[in-house]
Amino acid sequence: MYLPDLKGKILVLLRDPGMAQALAPRQAELASLEAQAFLLAQEAWESPLPLLVDPEGHLVCVIPERGVLVADPFLEVYHLGPVEGVEEILDWVRFTGAQCPECVLPEAEWL
């Protein structure tokens, strides 16, 4: 699977198996927010979330140990950094889902 194949939903990438385990029971909530979470690892192993393998570690090394990457359906990153737990991940997903690329105010000459 390639990252461009993941367009269309809010993307959540984690690298911490404990965080993935805590998020796994909330997959229905993620689906209702039009989001999909994946555990990112350098090798295949059993995972509570769908697993994305990054053998060279190009993306794994970018995400902090207790961190997460949250991107919008067009793969624009809204958060890349540490989080305190599942609720903060879901808050980032909600925030990202509330953004509207078509809702940008046009620049006015009077500003």
PDB file of N, CA and C in Angstrom:
ATOM      1  N   MET A   1       0.849  -1.176   0.000  1.00  0.00           N
ATOM      2  CA  MET A   1       0.000   0.000   0.000  1.00  0.00           C
ATOM      3  C   MET A   1       0.890   1.234   0.000  1.00  0.00           C
ATOM      4  N   TYR A   2       0.516   2.204  -0.788  1.00  0.00           N
ATOM      5  CA  TYR A   2       1.250   3.459  -0.849  1.00  0.00           C
ATOM      6  C   TYR A   2       0.417   4.541  -0.164  1.00  0.00           C
ATOM      7  N   LEU A   3       1.093   5.513   0.439  1.00  0.00           N
ATOM      8  CA  LEU A   3       0.365   6.579   1.130  1.00  0.00           C
ATOM      9  C   LEU A   3      -0.661   7.268   0.233  1.00  0.00           C
ATOM     10  N   PRO A   4      -0.380   7.556  -1.039  1.00  0.00           N
ATOM     11  CA  PRO A   4      -1.414   8.174  -1.873  1.00  0.00           C
ATOM     12  C   PRO A   4      -2.680   7.319  -1.987  1.00  0.00           C
ATOM     13  N   ASP A   5      -2.553   6.007  -1.796  1.00  0.00           N
ATOM     14  CA  ASP A   5      -3.733   5.143  -1.830  1.00  0.00           C
ATOM     15  C   ASP A   5      -4.653   5.377  -0.638  1.00  0.00           C
ATOM     16  N   LEU A   6      -4.164   6.069   0.376  1.00  0.00           N
ATOM     17  CA  LEU A   6      -4.938   6.285   1.596  1.00  0.00           C
ATOM     18  C   LEU A   6      -5.750   7.575   1.555  1.00  0.00           C
ATOM     19  N   LYS A   7      -5.694   8.304   0.457  1.00  0.00           N
ATOM     20  CA  LYS A   7      -6.464   9.541   0.334  1.00  0.00           C
ATOM     21  C   LYS A   7      -7.954   9.245   0.450  1.00  0.00           C
ATOM     22  N   GLY A   8      -8.694  10.218   0.942  1.00  0.00           N
ATOM     23  CA  GLY A   8     -10.143  10.090   0.998  1.00  0.00           C
ATOM     24  C   GLY A   8     -10.694  10.033   2.405  1.00  0.00           C
ATOM     25  N   LYS A   9      -9.870   9.640   3.372  1.00  0.00           N
ATOM     26  CA  LYS A   9     -10.267   9.627   4.782  1.00  0.00           C
ATOM     27  C   LYS A   9      -9.176  10.315   5.585  1.00  0.00           C
ATOM     28  N   ILE A  10      -9.541  10.740   6.773  1.00  0.00           N
ATOM     29  CA  ILE A  10      -8.538  11.279   7.680  1.00  0.00           C
ATOM     30  C   ILE A  10      -7.619  10.122   8.059  1.00  0.00           C
ATOM     31  N   LEU A  11      -6.338  10.359   7.996  1.00  0.00           N
ATOM     32  CA  LEU A  11      -5.334   9.324   8.224  1.00  0.00           C
ATOM     33  C   LEU A  11      -4.682   9.523   9.584  1.00  0.00           C
ATOM     34  N   VAL A  12      -4.618   8.449  10.352  1.00  0.00           N
ATOM     35  CA  VAL A  12      -3.943   8.462  11.649  1.00  0.00           C
ATOM     36  C   VAL A  12      -2.865   7.379  11.605  1.00  0.00           C
ATOM     37  N   LEU A  13      -1.613   7.778  11.782  1.00  0.00           N
ATOM     38  CA  LEU A  13      -0.501   6.833  11.823  1.00  0.00           C
ATOM     39  C   LEU A  13       0.138   6.872  13.204  1.00  0.00           C
ATOM     40  N   LEU A  14       0.270   5.702  13.812  1.00  0.00           N
ATOM     41  CA  LEU A  14       0.917   5.576  15.122  1.00  0.00           C
ATOM     42  C   LEU A  14       2.088   4.633  14.983  1.00  0.00           C
ATOM     43  N   ARG A  15       3.057   4.746  15.867  1.00  0.00           N
ATOM     44  CA  ARG A  15       4.135   3.760  15.873  1.00  0.00           C
ATOM     45  C   ARG A  15       4.258   3.065  17.216  1.00  0.00           C
ATOM     46  N   ASP A  16       3.455   3.450  18.174  1.00  0.00           N
ATOM     47  CA  ASP A  16       3.500   2.867  19.509  1.00  0.00           C
ATOM     48  C   ASP A  16       2.440   1.765  19.630  1.00  0.00           C
ATOM     49  N   PRO A  17       2.851   0.502  19.817  1.00  0.00           N
ATOM     50  CA  PRO A  17       1.877  -0.595  19.916  1.00  0.00           C
ATOM     51  C   PRO A  17       0.880  -0.422  21.073  1.00  0.00           C
ATOM     52  N   GLY A  18       1.324   0.151  22.183  1.00  0.00           N
ATOM     53  CA  GLY A  18       0.423   0.383  23.305  1.00  0.00           C
ATOM     54  C   GLY A  18      -0.667   1.384  22.962  1.00  0.00           C
ATOM     55  N   MET A  19      -0.293   2.423  22.262  1.00  0.00           N
ATOM     56  CA  MET A  19      -1.269   3.427  21.831  1.00  0.00           C
ATOM     57  C   MET A  19      -2.233   2.806  20.813  1.00  0.00           C
ATOM     58  N   ALA A  20      -1.705   1.960  19.928  1.00  0.00           N
ATOM     59  CA  ALA A  20      -2.556   1.276  18.948  1.00  0.00           C
ATOM     60  C   ALA A  20      -3.556   0.365  19.659  1.00  0.00           C
ATOM     61  N   GLN A  21      -3.109  -0.317  20.694  1.00  0.00           N
ATOM     62  CA  GLN A  21      -3.986  -1.193  21.475  1.00  0.00           C
ATOM     63  C   GLN A  21      -5.100  -0.387  22.133  1.00  0.00           C
ATOM     64  N   ALA A  22      -4.765   0.800  22.626  1.00  0.00           N
ATOM     65  CA  ALA A  22      -5.765   1.652  23.278  1.00  0.00           C
ATOM     66  C   ALA A  22      -6.748   2.247  22.266  1.00  0.00           C
ATOM     67  N   LEU A  23      -6.288   2.487  21.048  1.00  0.00           N
ATOM     68  CA  LEU A  23      -7.143   3.088  20.024  1.00  0.00           C
ATOM     69  C   LEU A  23      -8.019   2.051  19.318  1.00  0.00           C
ATOM     70  N   ALA A  24      -7.593   0.810  19.281  1.00  0.00           N
ATOM     71  CA  ALA A  24      -8.309  -0.246  18.545  1.00  0.00           C
ATOM     72  C   ALA A  24      -9.788  -0.352  18.916  1.00  0.00           C
ATOM     73  N   PRO A  25     -10.175  -0.299  20.191  1.00  0.00           N
ATOM     74  CA  PRO A  25     -11.605  -0.392  20.512  1.00  0.00           C
ATOM     75  C   PRO A  25     -12.433   0.801  20.026  1.00  0.00           C
ATOM     76  N   ARG A  26     -11.776   1.859  19.589  1.00  0.00           N
ATOM     77  CA  ARG A  26     -12.468   3.081  19.156  1.00  0.00           C
ATOM     78  C   ARG A  26     -12.565   3.167  17.629  1.00  0.00           C
ATOM     79  N   GLN A  27     -12.340   2.057  16.927  1.00  0.00           N
ATOM     80  CA  GLN A  27     -12.354   2.094  15.463  1.00  0.00           C
ATOM     81  C   GLN A  27     -13.722   2.481  14.899  1.00  0.00           C
ATOM     82  N   ALA A  28     -14.812   2.097  15.565  1.00  0.00           N
ATOM     83  CA  ALA A  28     -16.138   2.497  15.088  1.00  0.00           C
ATOM     84  C   ALA A  28     -16.286   4.020  15.172  1.00  0.00           C
ATOM     85  N   GLU A  29     -15.752   4.603  16.240  1.00  0.00           N
ATOM     86  CA  GLU A  29     -15.793   6.061  16.384  1.00  0.00           C
ATOM     87  C   GLU A  29     -14.945   6.725  15.295  1.00  0.00           C
ATOM     88  N   LEU A  30     -13.772   6.162  15.025  1.00  0.00           N
ATOM     89  CA  LEU A  30     -12.943   6.679  13.938  1.00  0.00           C
ATOM     90  C   LEU A  30     -13.689   6.615  12.611  1.00  0.00           C
ATOM     91  N   ALA A  31     -14.354   5.503  12.358  1.00  0.00           N
ATOM     92  CA  ALA A  31     -15.104   5.340  11.106  1.00  0.00           C
ATOM     93  C   ALA A  31     -16.209   6.384  10.999  1.00  0.00           C
ATOM     94  N   SER A  32     -16.875   6.675  12.121  1.00  0.00           N
ATOM     95  CA  SER A  32     -17.937   7.684  12.095  1.00  0.00           C
ATOM     96  C   SER A  32     -17.381   9.084  11.821  1.00  0.00           C
ATOM     97  N   LEU A  33     -16.097   9.284  12.118  1.00  0.00           N
ATOM     98  CA  LEU A  33     -15.427  10.556  11.844  1.00  0.00           C
ATOM     99  C   LEU A  33     -14.731  10.537  10.483  1.00  0.00           C
ATOM    100  N   GLU A  34     -14.992   9.469   9.716  1.00  0.00           N
ATOM    101  CA  GLU A  34     -14.386   9.278   8.403  1.00  0.00           C
ATOM    102  C   GLU A  34     -12.862   9.279   8.490  1.00  0.00           C
ATOM    103  N   ALA A  35     -12.361   8.494   9.458  1.00  0.00           N
ATOM    104  CA  ALA A  35     -10.923   8.374   9.680  1.00  0.00           C
ATOM    105  C   ALA A  35     -10.529   6.899   9.727  1.00  0.00           C
ATOM    106  N   GLN A  36      -9.268   6.651   9.442  1.00  0.00           N
ATOM    107  CA  GLN A  36      -8.716   5.309   9.516  1.00  0.00           C
ATOM    108  C   GLN A  36      -7.362   5.389  10.208  1.00  0.00           C
ATOM    109  N   ALA A  37      -7.142   4.516  11.185  1.00  0.00           N
ATOM    110  CA  ALA A  37      -5.879   4.488  11.915  1.00  0.00           C
ATOM    111  C   ALA A  37      -5.077   3.257  11.520  1.00  0.00           C
ATOM    112  N   PHE A  38      -3.764   3.441  11.468  1.00  0.00           N
ATOM    113  CA  PHE A  38      -2.838   2.368  11.137  1.00  0.00           C
ATOM    114  C   PHE A  38      -1.679   2.390  12.125  1.00  0.00           C
ATOM    115  N   LEU A  39      -1.177   1.212  12.446  1.00  0.00           N
ATOM    116  CA  LEU A  39       0.077   1.108  13.177  1.00  0.00           C
ATOM    117  C   LEU A  39       1.180   1.016  12.140  1.00  0.00           C
ATOM    118  N   LEU A  40       2.200   1.819  12.299  1.00  0.00           N
ATOM    119  CA  LEU A  40       3.321   1.866  11.377  1.00  0.00           C
ATOM    120  C   LEU A  40       4.495   1.157  12.025  1.00  0.00           C
ATOM    121  N   ALA A  41       5.107   0.217  11.311  1.00  0.00           N
ATOM    122  CA  ALA A  41       6.234  -0.537  11.854  1.00  0.00           C
ATOM    123  C   ALA A  41       7.223  -0.865  10.746  1.00  0.00           C
ATOM    124  N   GLN A  42       8.444  -1.189  11.141  1.00  0.00           N
ATOM    125  CA  GLN A  42       9.465  -1.542  10.161  1.00  0.00           C
ATOM    126  C   GLN A  42       9.414  -3.012   9.770  1.00  0.00           C
ATOM    127  N   GLU A  43       8.700  -3.820  10.530  1.00  0.00           N
ATOM    128  CA  GLU A  43       8.554  -5.228  10.193  1.00  0.00           C
ATOM    129  C   GLU A  43       7.148  -5.687  10.546  1.00  0.00           C
ATOM    130  N   ALA A  44       6.703  -6.733   9.912  1.00  0.00           N
ATOM    131  CA  ALA A  44       5.343  -7.240  10.143  1.00  0.00           C
ATOM    132  C   ALA A  44       5.272  -7.909  11.516  1.00  0.00           C
ATOM    133  N   TRP A  45       4.184  -7.660  12.223  1.00  0.00           N
ATOM    134  CA  TRP A  45       3.883  -8.316  13.483  1.00  0.00           C
ATOM    135  C   TRP A  45       2.391  -8.222  13.719  1.00  0.00           C
ATOM    136  N   GLU A  46       1.912  -8.913  14.702  1.00  0.00           N
ATOM    137  CA  GLU A  46       0.489  -8.869  15.008  1.00  0.00           C
ATOM    138  C   GLU A  46       0.149  -7.490  15.549  1.00  0.00           C
ATOM    139  N   SER A  47      -0.934  -6.939  15.039  1.00  0.00           N
ATOM    140  CA  SER A  47      -1.296  -5.570  15.397  1.00  0.00           C
ATOM    141  C   SER A  47      -2.788  -5.466  15.667  1.00  0.00           C
ATOM    142  N   PRO A  48      -3.177  -4.659  16.652  1.00  0.00           N
ATOM    143  CA  PRO A  48      -4.598  -4.437  16.916  1.00  0.00           C
ATOM    144  C   PRO A  48      -5.251  -3.532  15.872  1.00  0.00           C
ATOM    145  N   LEU A  49      -4.442  -2.814  15.111  1.00  0.00           N
ATOM    146  CA  LEU A  49      -4.905  -1.950  14.030  1.00  0.00           C
ATOM    147  C   LEU A  49      -4.327  -2.479  12.722  1.00  0.00           C
ATOM    148  N   PRO A  50      -4.886  -2.074  11.591  1.00  0.00           N
ATOM    149  CA  PRO A  50      -4.235  -2.433  10.333  1.00  0.00           C
ATOM    150  C   PRO A  50      -2.774  -1.977  10.371  1.00  0.00           C
ATOM    151  N   LEU A  51      -1.894  -2.801   9.851  1.00  0.00           N
ATOM    152  CA  LEU A  51      -0.455  -2.547   9.924  1.00  0.00           C
ATOM    153  C   LEU A  51       0.073  -2.050   8.582  1.00  0.00           C
ATOM    154  N   LEU A  52       0.835  -0.972   8.630  1.00  0.00           N
ATOM    155  CA  LEU A  52       1.575  -0.491   7.466  1.00  0.00           C
ATOM    156  C   LEU A  52       3.050  -0.730   7.748  1.00  0.00           C
ATOM    157  N   VAL A  53       3.712  -1.472   6.880  1.00  0.00           N
ATOM    158  CA  VAL A  53       5.118  -1.796   7.079  1.00  0.00           C
ATOM    159  C   VAL A  53       5.974  -0.814   6.280  1.00  0.00           C
ATOM    160  N   ASP A  54       6.910  -0.214   6.972  1.00  0.00           N
ATOM    161  CA  ASP A  54       7.861   0.742   6.406  1.00  0.00           C
ATOM    162  C   ASP A  54       9.260   0.153   6.614  1.00  0.00           C
ATOM    163  N   PRO A  55       9.680  -0.794   5.754  1.00  0.00           N
ATOM    164  CA  PRO A  55      10.913  -1.540   6.001  1.00  0.00           C
ATOM    165  C   PRO A  55      12.157  -0.670   6.163  1.00  0.00           C
ATOM    166  N   GLU A  56      12.250   0.407   5.409  1.00  0.00           N
ATOM    167  CA  GLU A  56      13.434   1.274   5.523  1.00  0.00           C
ATOM    168  C   GLU A  56      13.307   2.268   6.673  1.00  0.00           C
ATOM    169  N   GLY A  57      12.115   2.411   7.236  1.00  0.00           N
ATOM    170  CA  GLY A  57      11.912   3.303   8.370  1.00  0.00           C
ATOM    171  C   GLY A  57      11.861   4.774   8.013  1.00  0.00           C
ATOM    172  N   HIS A  58      11.585   5.093   6.757  1.00  0.00           N
ATOM    173  CA  HIS A  58      11.558   6.496   6.334  1.00  0.00           C
ATOM    174  C   HIS A  58      10.481   7.292   7.064  1.00  0.00           C
ATOM    175  N   LEU A  59       9.306   6.711   7.229  1.00  0.00           N
ATOM    176  CA  LEU A  59       8.217   7.417   7.908  1.00  0.00           C
ATOM    177  C   LEU A  59       8.214   7.121   9.404  1.00  0.00           C
ATOM    178  N   VAL A  60       8.599   5.904   9.776  1.00  0.00           N
ATOM    179  CA  VAL A  60       8.629   5.536  11.195  1.00  0.00           C
ATOM    180  C   VAL A  60       9.508   6.507  11.982  1.00  0.00           C
ATOM    181  N   CYS A  61      10.656   6.872  11.430  1.00  0.00           N
ATOM    182  CA  CYS A  61      11.589   7.729  12.169  1.00  0.00           C
ATOM    183  C   CYS A  61      11.084   9.161  12.330  1.00  0.00           C
ATOM    184  N   VAL A  62      10.088   9.561  11.555  1.00  0.00           N
ATOM    185  CA  VAL A  62       9.558  10.922  11.628  1.00  0.00           C
ATOM    186  C   VAL A  62       8.554  11.070  12.776  1.00  0.00           C
ATOM    187  N   ILE A  63       7.840  10.003  13.088  1.00  0.00           N
ATOM    188  CA  ILE A  63       6.815  10.051  14.129  1.00  0.00           C
ATOM    189  C   ILE A  63       7.470   9.802  15.486  1.00  0.00           C
ATOM    190  N   PRO A  64       7.274  10.697  16.451  1.00  0.00           N
ATOM    191  CA  PRO A  64       7.864  10.485  17.777  1.00  0.00           C
ATOM    192  C   PRO A  64       7.345   9.193  18.427  1.00  0.00           C
ATOM    193  N   GLU A  65       8.109   8.682  19.378  1.00  0.00           N
ATOM    194  CA  GLU A  65       7.792   7.411  20.037  1.00  0.00           C
ATOM    195  C   GLU A  65       6.347   7.351  20.545  1.00  0.00           C
ATOM    196  N   ARG A  66       5.899   8.317  21.294  1.00  0.00           N
ATOM    197  CA  ARG A  66       4.511   8.357  21.791  1.00  0.00           C
ATOM    198  C   ARG A  66       3.716   9.370  20.981  1.00  0.00           C
ATOM    199  N   GLY A  67       4.000   9.415  19.684  1.00  0.00           N
ATOM    200  CA  GLY A  67       3.377  10.418  18.843  1.00  0.00           C
ATOM    201  C   GLY A  67       2.461   9.830  17.796  1.00  0.00           C
ATOM    202  N   VAL A  68       1.903  10.743  17.031  1.00  0.00           N
ATOM    203  CA  VAL A  68       0.939  10.373  16.005  1.00  0.00           C
ATOM    204  C   VAL A  68       1.037  11.368  14.853  1.00  0.00           C
ATOM    205  N   LEU A  69       0.716  10.882  13.673  1.00  0.00           N
ATOM    206  CA  LEU A  69       0.567  11.743  12.511  1.00  0.00           C
ATOM    207  C   LEU A  69      -0.908  11.716  12.147  1.00  0.00           C
ATOM    208  N   VAL A  70      -1.513  12.894  12.036  1.00  0.00           N
ATOM    209  CA  VAL A  70      -2.913  13.017  11.618  1.00  0.00           C
ATOM    210  C   VAL A  70      -2.935  13.886  10.370  1.00  0.00           C
ATOM    211  N   ALA A  71      -3.481  13.330   9.293  1.00  0.00           N
ATOM    212  CA  ALA A  71      -3.547  14.054   8.021  1.00  0.00           C
ATOM    213  C   ALA A  71      -4.987  14.073   7.523  1.00  0.00           C
ATOM    214  N   ASP A  72      -5.319  15.108   6.773  1.00  0.00           N
ATOM    215  CA  ASP A  72      -6.672  15.224   6.225  1.00  0.00           C
ATOM    216  C   ASP A  72      -6.831  14.282   5.020  1.00  0.00           C
ATOM    217  N   PRO A  73      -8.024  14.206   4.434  1.00  0.00           N
ATOM    218  CA  PRO A  73      -8.239  13.290   3.306  1.00  0.00           C
ATOM    219  C   PRO A  73      -7.371  13.559   2.079  1.00  0.00           C
ATOM    220  N   PHE A  74      -6.729  14.722   2.033  1.00  0.00           N
ATOM    221  CA  PHE A  74      -5.834  15.051   0.923  1.00  0.00           C
ATOM    222  C   PHE A  74      -4.369  14.862   1.321  1.00  0.00           C
ATOM    223  N   LEU A  75      -4.151  14.258   2.494  1.00  0.00           N
ATOM    224  CA  LEU A  75      -2.839  13.948   3.061  1.00  0.00           C
ATOM    225  C   LEU A  75      -2.055  15.175   3.504  1.00  0.00           C
ATOM    226  N   GLU A  76      -2.770  16.263   3.806  1.00  0.00           N
ATOM    227  CA  GLU A  76      -2.108  17.417   4.416  1.00  0.00           C
ATOM    228  C   GLU A  76      -2.025  17.147   5.915  1.00  0.00           C
ATOM    229  N   VAL A  77      -0.842  17.246   6.467  1.00  0.00           N
ATOM    230  CA  VAL A  77      -0.614  16.911   7.873  1.00  0.00           C
ATOM    231  C   VAL A  77      -1.120  18.037   8.772  1.00  0.00           C
ATOM    232  N   TYR A  78      -1.966  17.656   9.741  1.00  0.00           N
ATOM    233  CA  TYR A  78      -2.473  18.615  10.727  1.00  0.00           C
ATOM    234  C   TYR A  78      -1.787  18.458  12.071  1.00  0.00           C
ATOM    235  N   HIS A  79      -1.293  17.268  12.356  1.00  0.00           N
ATOM    236  CA  HIS A  79      -0.549  17.073  13.603  1.00  0.00           C
ATOM    237  C   HIS A  79       0.517  16.012  13.386  1.00  0.00           C
ATOM    238  N   LEU A  80       1.710  16.318  13.826  1.00  0.00           N
ATOM    239  CA  LEU A  80       2.808  15.367  13.836  1.00  0.00           C
ATOM    240  C   LEU A  80       3.592  15.632  15.105  1.00  0.00           C
ATOM    241  N   GLY A  81       3.329  14.819  16.113  1.00  0.00           N
ATOM    242  CA  GLY A  81       4.008  15.024  17.381  1.00  0.00           C
ATOM    243  C   GLY A  81       3.425  14.152  18.462  1.00  0.00           C
ATOM    244  N   PRO A  82       3.912  14.351  19.678  1.00  0.00           N
ATOM    245  CA  PRO A  82       3.446  13.525  20.793  1.00  0.00           C
ATOM    246  C   PRO A  82       1.995  13.830  21.158  1.00  0.00           C
ATOM    247  N   VAL A  83       1.347  12.836  21.732  1.00  0.00           N
ATOM    248  CA  VAL A  83      -0.012  12.991  22.256  1.00  0.00           C
ATOM    249  C   VAL A  83      -0.066  12.339  23.629  1.00  0.00           C
ATOM    250  N   GLU A  84      -1.021  12.791  24.424  1.00  0.00           N
ATOM    251  CA  GLU A  84      -1.167  12.265  25.781  1.00  0.00           C
ATOM    252  C   GLU A  84      -1.934  10.952  25.816  1.00  0.00           C
ATOM    253  N   GLY A  85      -2.735  10.699  24.810  1.00  0.00           N
ATOM    254  CA  GLY A  85      -3.518   9.469  24.809  1.00  0.00           C
ATOM    255  C   GLY A  85      -4.544   9.473  23.699  1.00  0.00           C
ATOM    256  N   VAL A  86      -5.442   8.495  23.769  1.00  0.00           N
ATOM    257  CA  VAL A  86      -6.448   8.285  22.728  1.00  0.00           C
ATOM    258  C   VAL A  86      -7.369   9.488  22.575  1.00  0.00           C
ATOM    259  N   GLU A  87      -7.773  10.086  23.670  1.00  0.00           N
ATOM    260  CA  GLU A  87      -8.682  11.236  23.572  1.00  0.00           C
ATOM    261  C   GLU A  87      -8.048  12.385  22.790  1.00  0.00           C
ATOM    262  N   GLU A  88      -6.767  12.598  22.986  1.00  0.00           N
ATOM    263  CA  GLU A  88      -6.101  13.666  22.236  1.00  0.00           C
ATOM    264  C   GLU A  88      -6.020  13.307  20.746  1.00  0.00           C
ATOM    265  N   ILE A  89      -5.805  12.040  20.437  1.00  0.00           N
ATOM    266  CA  ILE A  89      -5.817  11.612  19.033  1.00  0.00           C
ATOM    267  C   ILE A  89      -7.181  11.902  18.417  1.00  0.00           C
ATOM    268  N   LEU A  90      -8.240  11.518  19.117  1.00  0.00           N
ATOM    269  CA  LEU A  90      -9.595  11.752  18.605  1.00  0.00           C
ATOM    270  C   LEU A  90      -9.892  13.243  18.490  1.00  0.00           C
ATOM    271  N   ASP A  91      -9.366  14.052  19.401  1.00  0.00           N
ATOM    272  CA  ASP A  91      -9.530  15.507  19.291  1.00  0.00           C
ATOM    273  C   ASP A  91      -8.865  16.027  18.020  1.00  0.00           C
ATOM    274  N   TRP A  92      -7.677  15.522  17.691  1.00  0.00           N
ATOM    275  CA  TRP A  92      -7.005  15.929  16.457  1.00  0.00           C
ATOM    276  C   TRP A  92      -7.790  15.482  15.239  1.00  0.00           C
ATOM    277  N   VAL A  93      -8.367  14.290  15.297  1.00  0.00           N
ATOM    278  CA  VAL A  93      -9.183  13.805  14.175  1.00  0.00           C
ATOM    279  C   VAL A  93     -10.399  14.706  13.993  1.00  0.00           C
ATOM    280  N   ARG A  94     -11.065  15.045  15.095  1.00  0.00           N
ATOM    281  CA  ARG A  94     -12.234  15.937  15.015  1.00  0.00           C
ATOM    282  C   ARG A  94     -11.840  17.305  14.465  1.00  0.00           C
ATOM    283  N   PHE A  95     -10.732  17.840  14.959  1.00  0.00           N
ATOM    284  CA  PHE A  95     -10.250  19.138  14.481  1.00  0.00           C
ATOM    285  C   PHE A  95      -9.968  19.085  12.978  1.00  0.00           C
ATOM    286  N   THR A  96      -9.286  18.048  12.550  1.00  0.00           N
ATOM    287  CA  THR A  96      -8.943  17.899  11.132  1.00  0.00           C
ATOM    288  C   THR A  96     -10.202  17.769  10.295  1.00  0.00           C
ATOM    289  N   GLY A  97     -11.172  17.014  10.776  1.00  0.00           N
ATOM    290  CA  GLY A  97     -12.426  16.844  10.049  1.00  0.00           C
ATOM    291  C   GLY A  97     -13.241  18.117   9.955  1.00  0.00           C
ATOM    292  N   ALA A  98     -13.033  19.033  10.903  1.00  0.00           N
ATOM    293  CA  ALA A  98     -13.794  20.286  10.909  1.00  0.00           C
ATOM    294  C   ALA A  98     -13.215  21.306   9.936  1.00  0.00           C
ATOM    295  N   GLN A  99     -12.009  21.048   9.419  1.00  0.00           N
ATOM    296  CA  GLN A  99     -11.395  21.981   8.485  1.00  0.00           C
ATOM    297  C   GLN A  99     -12.060  21.827   7.125  1.00  0.00           C
ATOM    298  N   CYS A 100     -12.127  22.906   6.401  1.00  0.00           N
ATOM    299  CA  CYS A 100     -12.792  22.908   5.095  1.00  0.00           C
ATOM    300  C   CYS A 100     -11.890  23.629   4.110  1.00  0.00           C
ATOM    301  N   PRO A 101     -11.229  22.891   3.202  1.00  0.00           N
ATOM    302  CA  PRO A 101     -10.317  23.570   2.277  1.00  0.00           C
ATOM    303  C   PRO A 101     -11.007  24.595   1.385  1.00  0.00           C
ATOM    304  N   GLU A 102     -12.313  24.434   1.157  1.00  0.00           N
ATOM    305  CA  GLU A 102     -13.040  25.374   0.326  1.00  0.00           C
ATOM    306  C   GLU A 102     -13.494  26.613   1.103  1.00  0.00           C
ATOM    307  N   CYS A 103     -13.287  26.600   2.420  1.00  0.00           N
ATOM    308  CA  CYS A 103     -13.809  27.675   3.262  1.00  0.00           C
ATOM    309  C   CYS A 103     -12.766  28.725   3.614  1.00  0.00           C
ATOM    310  N   VAL A 104     -11.729  28.849   2.832  1.00  0.00           N
ATOM    311  CA  VAL A 104     -10.699  29.841   3.099  1.00  0.00           C
ATOM    312  C   VAL A 104     -11.218  31.198   2.637  1.00  0.00           C
ATOM    313  N   LEU A 105     -11.062  32.194   3.490  1.00  0.00           N
ATOM    314  CA  LEU A 105     -11.500  33.541   3.126  1.00  0.00           C
ATOM    315  C   LEU A 105     -10.609  34.100   2.033  1.00  0.00           C
ATOM    316  N   PRO A 106     -11.194  34.684   1.011  1.00  0.00           N
ATOM    317  CA  PRO A 106     -10.348  35.293  -0.032  1.00  0.00           C
ATOM    318  C   PRO A 106      -9.631  36.514   0.523  1.00  0.00           C
ATOM    319  N   GLU A 107      -8.479  36.794  -0.021  1.00  0.00           N
ATOM    320  CA  GLU A 107      -7.746  37.955   0.437  1.00  0.00           C
ATOM    321  C   GLU A 107      -8.452  39.208  -0.042  1.00  0.00           C
ATOM    322  N   ALA A 108      -8.634  40.142   0.854  1.00  0.00           N
ATOM    323  CA  ALA A 108      -9.300  41.401   0.521  1.00  0.00           C
ATOM    324  C   ALA A 108      -8.249  42.502   0.424  1.00  0.00           C
ATOM    325  N   GLU A 109      -8.433  43.383  -0.510  1.00  0.00           N
ATOM    326  CA  GLU A 109      -7.472  44.469  -0.694  1.00  0.00           C
ATOM    327  C   GLU A 109      -7.504  45.456   0.455  1.00  0.00           C
ATOM    328  N   TRP A 110      -8.618  45.477   1.196  1.00  0.00           N
ATOM    329  CA  TRP A 110      -8.735  46.444   2.282  1.00  0.00           C
ATOM    330  C   TRP A 110      -8.072  45.974   3.562  1.00  0.00           C
ATOM    331  N   LEU A 111      -7.588  44.750   3.609  1.00  0.00           N
ATOM    332  CA  LEU A 111      -6.919  44.271   4.818  1.00  0.00           C
ATOM    333  C   LEU A 111      -5.530  44.798   4.943  1.00  0.00           C
TER     334      LEU A 111
END
